[in-house]
Amino acid sequence: MEKAPESLEIVLQYFADFTPAQIGQLAALEPLYKEWNAQINVISRKDIESLYEKHVLHSLAIAAAFELSPGQEVIDIGTGGGFPGIPLAIFFPETRFHLVDSIGKKIKVVEAVRTAAGLTNVTTQHIRAEDIKNKKFDLAVSRAVAPLGELWSWARPILRKPAPGRPGGLICLKGGDLSEEISESHTRPRIMEIYELFPREYFKEKYVLQVPFA
């Protein structure tokens, strides 16, 4: 097996059980995103050099906190360039991910990355989550695309009750002082500090929040 690129080692130091195929998919992300970002700016210029820490590992905080199951259907609301959905789809190859965004050019990038990385468990849709009709998911994930109350109002109608022992509801990545946002959301999320999962400076004051299905 080829040695993983040094930047990918940031991810591998926290996860020891990737298969060679998964490591290959993860290694493919940096050149793919650099190529596409030069055409369509889906990741800030300053962050593209820290892709594995600020985007891939950040996304995988959800995987460190929750075990998703084979066959589960997960929607990534406002996926942008494919985060957290693409890294999670690599981590959980038997879980099905539906990545949606209201901006068509971002979905175009996600589709190109999905195809080049050989991700057969990812579907995409150019749509706002609140416009999805006649489809339900076991779980919604998202990364800081809107206040928690709005995210929950979009996610709640398209969620179904999860099977016993499986995570359900909304799991999202947030940062900073969340007290006012949580209060205004009228939800009672479970909160986990990412710094406790990945003790790196970048993850201070960053959190995984779960609003359970109710």
C-alpha atoms as a PDB file:
ATOM      1  CA  MET A   1       0.000   0.000   0.000  1.00  0.00           C
ATOM      2  CA  GLU A   2       1.303   3.454  -0.854  1.00  0.00           C
ATOM      3  CA  LYS A   3       2.201   5.721   2.027  1.00  0.00           C
ATOM      4  CA  ALA A   4      -0.609   8.148   2.862  1.00  0.00           C
ATOM      5  CA  PRO A   5       0.180  11.812   2.143  1.00  0.00           C
ATOM      6  CA  GLU A   6       1.450  13.689   5.174  1.00  0.00           C
ATOM      7  CA  SER A   7      -1.627  15.929   5.406  1.00  0.00           C
ATOM      8  CA  LEU A   8      -3.870  12.857   5.531  1.00  0.00           C
ATOM      9  CA  GLU A   9      -1.892  11.599   8.535  1.00  0.00           C
ATOM     10  CA  ILE A  10      -3.824  14.189  10.581  1.00  0.00           C
ATOM     11  CA  VAL A  11      -6.923  12.041  10.046  1.00  0.00           C
ATOM     12  CA  LEU A  12      -5.215   8.661  10.353  1.00  0.00           C
ATOM     13  CA  GLN A  13      -3.769   9.412  13.770  1.00  0.00           C
ATOM     14  CA  TYR A  14      -7.313   9.424  15.174  1.00  0.00           C
ATOM     15  CA  PHE A  15      -8.769   6.517  13.180  1.00  0.00           C
ATOM     16  CA  ALA A  16      -6.875   3.253  12.952  1.00  0.00           C
ATOM     17  CA  ASP A  17      -9.290   0.997  11.088  1.00  0.00           C
ATOM     18  CA  PHE A  18      -9.582   2.414   7.577  1.00  0.00           C
ATOM     19  CA  THR A  19      -9.241  -0.142   4.790  1.00  0.00           C
ATOM     20  CA  PRO A  20      -6.718   0.481   1.991  1.00  0.00           C
ATOM     21  CA  ALA A  21      -9.675   1.388  -0.256  1.00  0.00           C
ATOM     22  CA  GLN A  22     -10.895   3.998   2.225  1.00  0.00           C
ATOM     23  CA  ILE A  23      -7.401   5.453   2.592  1.00  0.00           C
ATOM     24  CA  GLY A  24      -7.240   5.704  -1.190  1.00  0.00           C
ATOM     25  CA  GLN A  25     -10.567   7.553  -1.268  1.00  0.00           C
ATOM     26  CA  LEU A  26      -9.436   9.946   1.464  1.00  0.00           C
ATOM     27  CA  ALA A  27      -6.110  10.539  -0.280  1.00  0.00           C
ATOM     28  CA  ALA A  28      -7.973  11.396  -3.500  1.00  0.00           C
ATOM     29  CA  LEU A  29      -9.865  14.250  -1.854  1.00  0.00           C
ATOM     30  CA  GLU A  30      -7.067  16.831  -1.717  1.00  0.00           C
ATOM     31  CA  PRO A  31      -6.145  16.820  -5.424  1.00  0.00           C
ATOM     32  CA  LEU A  32      -9.832  16.638  -6.381  1.00  0.00           C
ATOM     33  CA  TYR A  33     -10.830  19.606  -4.244  1.00  0.00           C
ATOM     34  CA  LYS A  34      -7.799  21.631  -5.305  1.00  0.00           C
ATOM     35  CA  GLU A  35      -8.637  21.030  -8.948  1.00  0.00           C
ATOM     36  CA  TRP A  36     -12.313  21.918  -8.544  1.00  0.00           C
ATOM     37  CA  ASN A  37     -11.696  24.814  -6.179  1.00  0.00           C
ATOM     38  CA  ALA A  38      -9.627  26.495  -8.872  1.00  0.00           C
ATOM     39  CA  GLN A  39     -12.769  26.497 -11.047  1.00  0.00           C
ATOM     40  CA  ILE A  40     -15.595  26.846  -8.520  1.00  0.00           C
ATOM     41  CA  ASN A  41     -14.766  28.267  -5.111  1.00  0.00           C
ATOM     42  CA  VAL A  42     -16.404  25.833  -2.674  1.00  0.00           C
ATOM     43  CA  ILE A  43     -13.698  25.996   0.017  1.00  0.00           C
ATOM     44  CA  SER A  44     -12.075  29.223   1.162  1.00  0.00           C
ATOM     45  CA  ARG A  45      -8.622  29.776  -0.331  1.00  0.00           C
ATOM     46  CA  LYS A  46      -6.991  29.836   3.102  1.00  0.00           C
ATOM     47  CA  ASP A  47      -8.632  26.559   4.134  1.00  0.00           C
ATOM     48  CA  ILE A  48      -7.840  24.448   1.066  1.00  0.00           C
ATOM     49  CA  GLU A  49      -4.274  23.849   2.350  1.00  0.00           C
ATOM     50  CA  SER A  50      -5.768  22.536   5.624  1.00  0.00           C
ATOM     51  CA  LEU A  51      -8.415  20.388   3.941  1.00  0.00           C
ATOM     52  CA  TYR A  52      -7.801  17.293   6.061  1.00  0.00           C
ATOM     53  CA  GLU A  53      -7.941  19.088   9.403  1.00  0.00           C
ATOM     54  CA  LYS A  54     -10.554  21.791   8.801  1.00  0.00           C
ATOM     55  CA  HIS A  55     -12.914  19.838   6.563  1.00  0.00           C
ATOM     56  CA  VAL A  56     -12.291  16.080   6.604  1.00  0.00           C
ATOM     57  CA  LEU A  57     -11.383  15.564  10.272  1.00  0.00           C
ATOM     58  CA  HIS A  58     -13.967  18.152  11.326  1.00  0.00           C
ATOM     59  CA  SER A  59     -16.637  16.203   9.432  1.00  0.00           C
ATOM     60  CA  LEU A  60     -15.453  12.951  10.999  1.00  0.00           C
ATOM     61  CA  ALA A  61     -16.125  14.296  14.488  1.00  0.00           C
ATOM     62  CA  ILE A  62     -19.625  12.945  13.825  1.00  0.00           C
ATOM     63  CA  ALA A  63     -18.145   9.501  13.155  1.00  0.00           C
ATOM     64  CA  ALA A  64     -16.102   9.696  16.343  1.00  0.00           C
ATOM     65  CA  ALA A  65     -19.229  10.492  18.364  1.00  0.00           C
ATOM     66  CA  PHE A  66     -21.857   8.312  16.645  1.00  0.00           C
ATOM     67  CA  GLU A  67     -21.943   4.884  15.014  1.00  0.00           C
ATOM     68  CA  LEU A  68     -24.054   4.989  11.861  1.00  0.00           C
ATOM     69  CA  SER A  69     -25.556   1.712  10.679  1.00  0.00           C
ATOM     70  CA  PRO A  70     -25.603  -0.166   7.367  1.00  0.00           C
ATOM     71  CA  GLY A  71     -28.688   0.751   5.386  1.00  0.00           C
ATOM     72  CA  GLN A  72     -29.397   3.940   7.323  1.00  0.00           C
ATOM     73  CA  GLU A  73     -30.467   6.850   5.116  1.00  0.00           C
ATOM     74  CA  VAL A  74     -28.801  10.134   6.014  1.00  0.00           C
ATOM     75  CA  ILE A  75     -29.433  13.571   4.515  1.00  0.00           C
ATOM     76  CA  ASP A  76     -26.678  16.201   4.530  1.00  0.00           C
ATOM     77  CA  ILE A  77     -28.477  19.559   4.583  1.00  0.00           C
ATOM     78  CA  GLY A  78     -26.630  22.389   2.822  1.00  0.00           C
ATOM     79  CA  THR A  79     -23.682  20.160   1.977  1.00  0.00           C
ATOM     80  CA  GLY A  80     -21.719  22.902   0.187  1.00  0.00           C
ATOM     81  CA  GLY A  81     -18.659  21.182  -1.262  1.00  0.00           C
ATOM     82  CA  GLY A  82     -19.660  17.883   0.345  1.00  0.00           C
ATOM     83  CA  PHE A  83     -19.085  18.320   4.070  1.00  0.00           C
ATOM     84  CA  PRO A  84     -19.742  16.505   6.297  1.00  0.00           C
ATOM     85  CA  GLY A  85     -21.355  14.054   3.829  1.00  0.00           C
ATOM     86  CA  ILE A  86     -18.382  12.978   1.682  1.00  0.00           C
ATOM     87  CA  PRO A  87     -16.007  12.082   4.568  1.00  0.00           C
ATOM     88  CA  LEU A  88     -18.858  10.340   6.404  1.00  0.00           C
ATOM     89  CA  ALA A  89     -19.740   8.359   3.264  1.00  0.00           C
ATOM     90  CA  ILE A  90     -16.121   7.169   3.062  1.00  0.00           C
ATOM     91  CA  PHE A  91     -16.136   6.237   6.753  1.00  0.00           C
ATOM     92  CA  PHE A  92     -19.506   4.442   6.620  1.00  0.00           C
ATOM     93  CA  PRO A  93     -19.565   2.759   3.169  1.00  0.00           C
ATOM     94  CA  GLU A  94     -22.750   0.804   3.894  1.00  0.00           C
ATOM     95  CA  THR A  95     -24.737   3.834   5.050  1.00  0.00           C
ATOM     96  CA  ARG A  96     -26.586   5.802   2.356  1.00  0.00           C
ATOM     97  CA  PHE A  97     -26.038   9.545   2.128  1.00  0.00           C
ATOM     98  CA  HIS A  98     -28.163  12.075   0.231  1.00  0.00           C
ATOM     99  CA  LEU A  99     -26.302  15.380  -0.164  1.00  0.00           C
ATOM    100  CA  VAL A 100     -28.433  18.435  -0.946  1.00  0.00           C
ATOM    101  CA  ASP A 101     -27.674  22.095  -1.542  1.00  0.00           C
ATOM    102  CA  SER A 102     -29.572  25.019  -3.002  1.00  0.00           C
ATOM    103  CA  ILE A 103     -26.550  26.092  -5.100  1.00  0.00           C
ATOM    104  CA  GLY A 104     -26.220  24.018  -8.253  1.00  0.00           C
ATOM    105  CA  LYS A 105     -22.499  24.579  -8.873  1.00  0.00           C
ATOM    106  CA  LYS A 106     -21.694  23.173  -5.426  1.00  0.00           C
ATOM    107  CA  ILE A 107     -23.669  20.019  -6.199  1.00  0.00           C
ATOM    108  CA  LYS A 108     -21.721  19.771  -9.470  1.00  0.00           C
ATOM    109  CA  VAL A 109     -18.474  19.645  -7.469  1.00  0.00           C
ATOM    110  CA  VAL A 110     -19.909  17.071  -5.056  1.00  0.00           C
ATOM    111  CA  GLU A 111     -20.989  14.855  -7.955  1.00  0.00           C
ATOM    112  CA  ALA A 112     -17.528  15.071  -9.538  1.00  0.00           C
ATOM    113  CA  VAL A 113     -15.800  14.189  -6.254  1.00  0.00           C
ATOM    114  CA  ARG A 114     -18.249  11.337  -5.624  1.00  0.00           C
ATOM    115  CA  THR A 115     -17.588   9.835  -9.063  1.00  0.00           C
ATOM    116  CA  ALA A 116     -13.807  10.252  -8.957  1.00  0.00           C
ATOM    117  CA  ALA A 117     -13.579   8.786  -5.446  1.00  0.00           C
ATOM    118  CA  GLY A 118     -15.847   5.867  -6.369  1.00  0.00           C
ATOM    119  CA  LEU A 119     -18.482   6.536  -3.711  1.00  0.00           C
ATOM    120  CA  THR A 120     -21.470   4.366  -4.586  1.00  0.00           C
ATOM    121  CA  ASN A 121     -23.383   5.227  -1.398  1.00  0.00           C
ATOM    122  CA  VAL A 122     -23.837   8.935  -2.207  1.00  0.00           C
ATOM    123  CA  THR A 123     -26.737  10.549  -4.055  1.00  0.00           C
ATOM    124  CA  THR A 124     -27.142  14.279  -4.657  1.00  0.00           C
ATOM    125  CA  GLN A 125     -29.919  16.764  -5.280  1.00  0.00           C
ATOM    126  CA  HIS A 126     -29.969  20.450  -6.163  1.00  0.00           C
ATOM    127  CA  ILE A 127     -32.750  21.473  -3.769  1.00  0.00           C
ATOM    128  CA  ARG A 128     -33.432  23.218  -0.496  1.00  0.00           C
ATOM    129  CA  ALA A 129     -34.083  20.753   2.296  1.00  0.00           C
ATOM    130  CA  GLU A 130     -37.366  22.471   3.108  1.00  0.00           C
ATOM    131  CA  ASP A 131     -38.600  21.765  -0.433  1.00  0.00           C
ATOM    132  CA  ILE A 132     -38.124  17.987  -0.220  1.00  0.00           C
ATOM    133  CA  LYS A 133     -41.442  16.173  -0.395  1.00  0.00           C
ATOM    134  CA  ASN A 134     -42.468  12.512  -0.070  1.00  0.00           C
ATOM    135  CA  LYS A 135     -39.114  11.307   1.262  1.00  0.00           C
ATOM    136  CA  LYS A 136     -37.978  10.551   4.793  1.00  0.00           C
ATOM    137  CA  PHE A 137     -34.552   9.951   6.295  1.00  0.00           C
ATOM    138  CA  ASP A 138     -33.261   8.230   9.434  1.00  0.00           C
ATOM    139  CA  LEU A 139     -30.882  11.056  10.282  1.00  0.00           C
ATOM    140  CA  ALA A 140     -29.957  14.582   9.175  1.00  0.00           C
ATOM    141  CA  VAL A 141     -26.418  15.980   9.363  1.00  0.00           C
ATOM    142  CA  SER A 142     -25.201  19.488   8.656  1.00  0.00           C
ATOM    143  CA  ARG A 143     -22.309  21.847   9.185  1.00  0.00           C
ATOM    144  CA  ALA A 144     -23.066  25.379  10.346  1.00  0.00           C
ATOM    145  CA  VAL A 145     -25.249  26.383   7.397  1.00  0.00           C
ATOM    146  CA  ALA A 146     -27.975  28.042   9.478  1.00  0.00           C
ATOM    147  CA  PRO A 147     -29.021  28.688  13.089  1.00  0.00           C
ATOM    148  CA  LEU A 148     -30.002  25.555  14.980  1.00  0.00           C
ATOM    149  CA  GLY A 149     -33.699  26.457  15.082  1.00  0.00           C
ATOM    150  CA  GLU A 150     -33.849  26.834  11.307  1.00  0.00           C
ATOM    151  CA  LEU A 151     -31.906  23.627  10.740  1.00  0.00           C
ATOM    152  CA  TRP A 152     -34.288  21.713  12.972  1.00  0.00           C
ATOM    153  CA  SER A 153     -37.344  23.213  11.251  1.00  0.00           C
ATOM    154  CA  TRP A 154     -35.979  21.970   7.899  1.00  0.00           C
ATOM    155  CA  ALA A 155     -34.907  18.569   9.200  1.00  0.00           C
ATOM    156  CA  ARG A 156     -37.860  17.623  11.390  1.00  0.00           C
ATOM    157  CA  PRO A 157     -40.479  17.135   8.594  1.00  0.00           C
ATOM    158  CA  ILE A 158     -38.203  14.830   6.586  1.00  0.00           C
ATOM    159  CA  LEU A 159     -37.107  12.581   9.442  1.00  0.00           C
ATOM    160  CA  ARG A 160     -38.562   9.289  10.564  1.00  0.00           C
ATOM    161  CA  LYS A 161     -38.217   7.581  13.904  1.00  0.00           C
ATOM    162  CA  PRO A 162     -34.877   5.748  13.965  1.00  0.00           C
ATOM    163  CA  ALA A 163     -34.601   2.048  14.666  1.00  0.00           C
ATOM    164  CA  PRO A 164     -33.745   1.165  18.280  1.00  0.00           C
ATOM    165  CA  GLY A 165     -30.079   1.720  19.057  1.00  0.00           C
ATOM    166  CA  ARG A 166     -29.463   3.917  16.022  1.00  0.00           C
ATOM    167  CA  PRO A 167     -28.781   7.656  16.206  1.00  0.00           C
ATOM    168  CA  GLY A 168     -31.630   9.808  14.914  1.00  0.00           C
ATOM    169  CA  GLY A 169     -32.755  13.389  14.655  1.00  0.00           C
ATOM    170  CA  LEU A 170     -30.302  16.099  13.611  1.00  0.00           C
ATOM    171  CA  ILE A 171     -26.535  15.987  14.159  1.00  0.00           C
ATOM    172  CA  CYS A 172     -24.735  19.201  13.288  1.00  0.00           C
ATOM    173  CA  LEU A 173     -21.324  20.805  13.638  1.00  0.00           C
ATOM    174  CA  LYS A 174     -21.273  24.223  15.293  1.00  0.00           C
ATOM    175  CA  GLY A 175     -18.773  26.618  16.843  1.00  0.00           C
ATOM    176  CA  GLY A 176     -18.518  29.485  19.303  1.00  0.00           C
ATOM    177  CA  ASP A 177     -20.910  30.542  22.058  1.00  0.00           C
ATOM    178  CA  LEU A 178     -24.094  28.641  21.307  1.00  0.00           C
ATOM    179  CA  SER A 179     -26.161  29.526  24.379  1.00  0.00           C
ATOM    180  CA  GLU A 180     -28.377  32.116  22.687  1.00  0.00           C
ATOM    181  CA  GLU A 181     -28.759  30.070  19.508  1.00  0.00           C
ATOM    182  CA  ILE A 182     -29.779  26.972  21.476  1.00  0.00           C
ATOM    183  CA  SER A 183     -32.203  28.984  23.615  1.00  0.00           C
ATOM    184  CA  GLU A 184     -33.864  30.487  20.534  1.00  0.00           C
ATOM    185  CA  SER A 185     -34.112  27.069  18.859  1.00  0.00           C
ATOM    186  CA  HIS A 186     -36.434  25.671  21.573  1.00  0.00           C
ATOM    187  CA  THR A 187     -34.496  22.400  21.361  1.00  0.00           C
ATOM    188  CA  ARG A 188     -32.456  20.579  23.990  1.00  0.00           C
ATOM    189  CA  PRO A 189     -29.485  19.205  22.079  1.00  0.00           C
ATOM    190  CA  ARG A 190     -26.853  16.862  23.360  1.00  0.00           C
ATOM    191  CA  ILE A 191     -23.531  18.729  23.094  1.00  0.00           C
ATOM    192  CA  MET A 192     -20.072  17.206  22.650  1.00  0.00           C
ATOM    193  CA  GLU A 193     -16.820  19.162  22.502  1.00  0.00           C
ATOM    194  CA  ILE A 194     -14.775  18.236  19.435  1.00  0.00           C
ATOM    195  CA  TYR A 195     -11.572  19.215  21.251  1.00  0.00           C
ATOM    196  CA  GLU A 196     -12.151  16.233  23.561  1.00  0.00           C
ATOM    197  CA  LEU A 197     -12.270  13.949  20.503  1.00  0.00           C
ATOM    198  CA  PHE A 198      -9.419  15.618  18.600  1.00  0.00           C
ATOM    199  CA  PRO A 199      -7.252  17.716  20.957  1.00  0.00           C
ATOM    200  CA  ARG A 200      -6.013  20.186  18.357  1.00  0.00           C
ATOM    201  CA  GLU A 201      -6.057  23.970  18.641  1.00  0.00           C
ATOM    202  CA  TYR A 202      -8.405  24.340  15.654  1.00  0.00           C
ATOM    203  CA  PHE A 203     -11.182  22.418  17.419  1.00  0.00           C
ATOM    204  CA  LYS A 204     -11.391  24.544  20.544  1.00  0.00           C
ATOM    205  CA  GLU A 205     -14.945  25.918  20.931  1.00  0.00           C
ATOM    206  CA  LYS A 206     -16.230  23.599  18.205  1.00  0.00           C
ATOM    207  CA  TYR A 207     -19.039  21.173  18.966  1.00  0.00           C
ATOM    208  CA  VAL A 208     -21.128  18.279  17.737  1.00  0.00           C
ATOM    209  CA  LEU A 209     -24.800  18.843  18.575  1.00  0.00           C
ATOM    210  CA  GLN A 210     -27.541  16.225  18.400  1.00  0.00           C
ATOM    211  CA  VAL A 211     -31.211  17.174  18.496  1.00  0.00           C
ATOM    212  CA  PRO A 212     -32.912  13.811  19.067  1.00  0.00           C
ATOM    213  CA  PHE A 213     -35.959  12.737  17.097  1.00  0.00           C
ATOM    214  CA  ALA A 214     -39.114  13.498  19.076  1.00  0.00           C
END
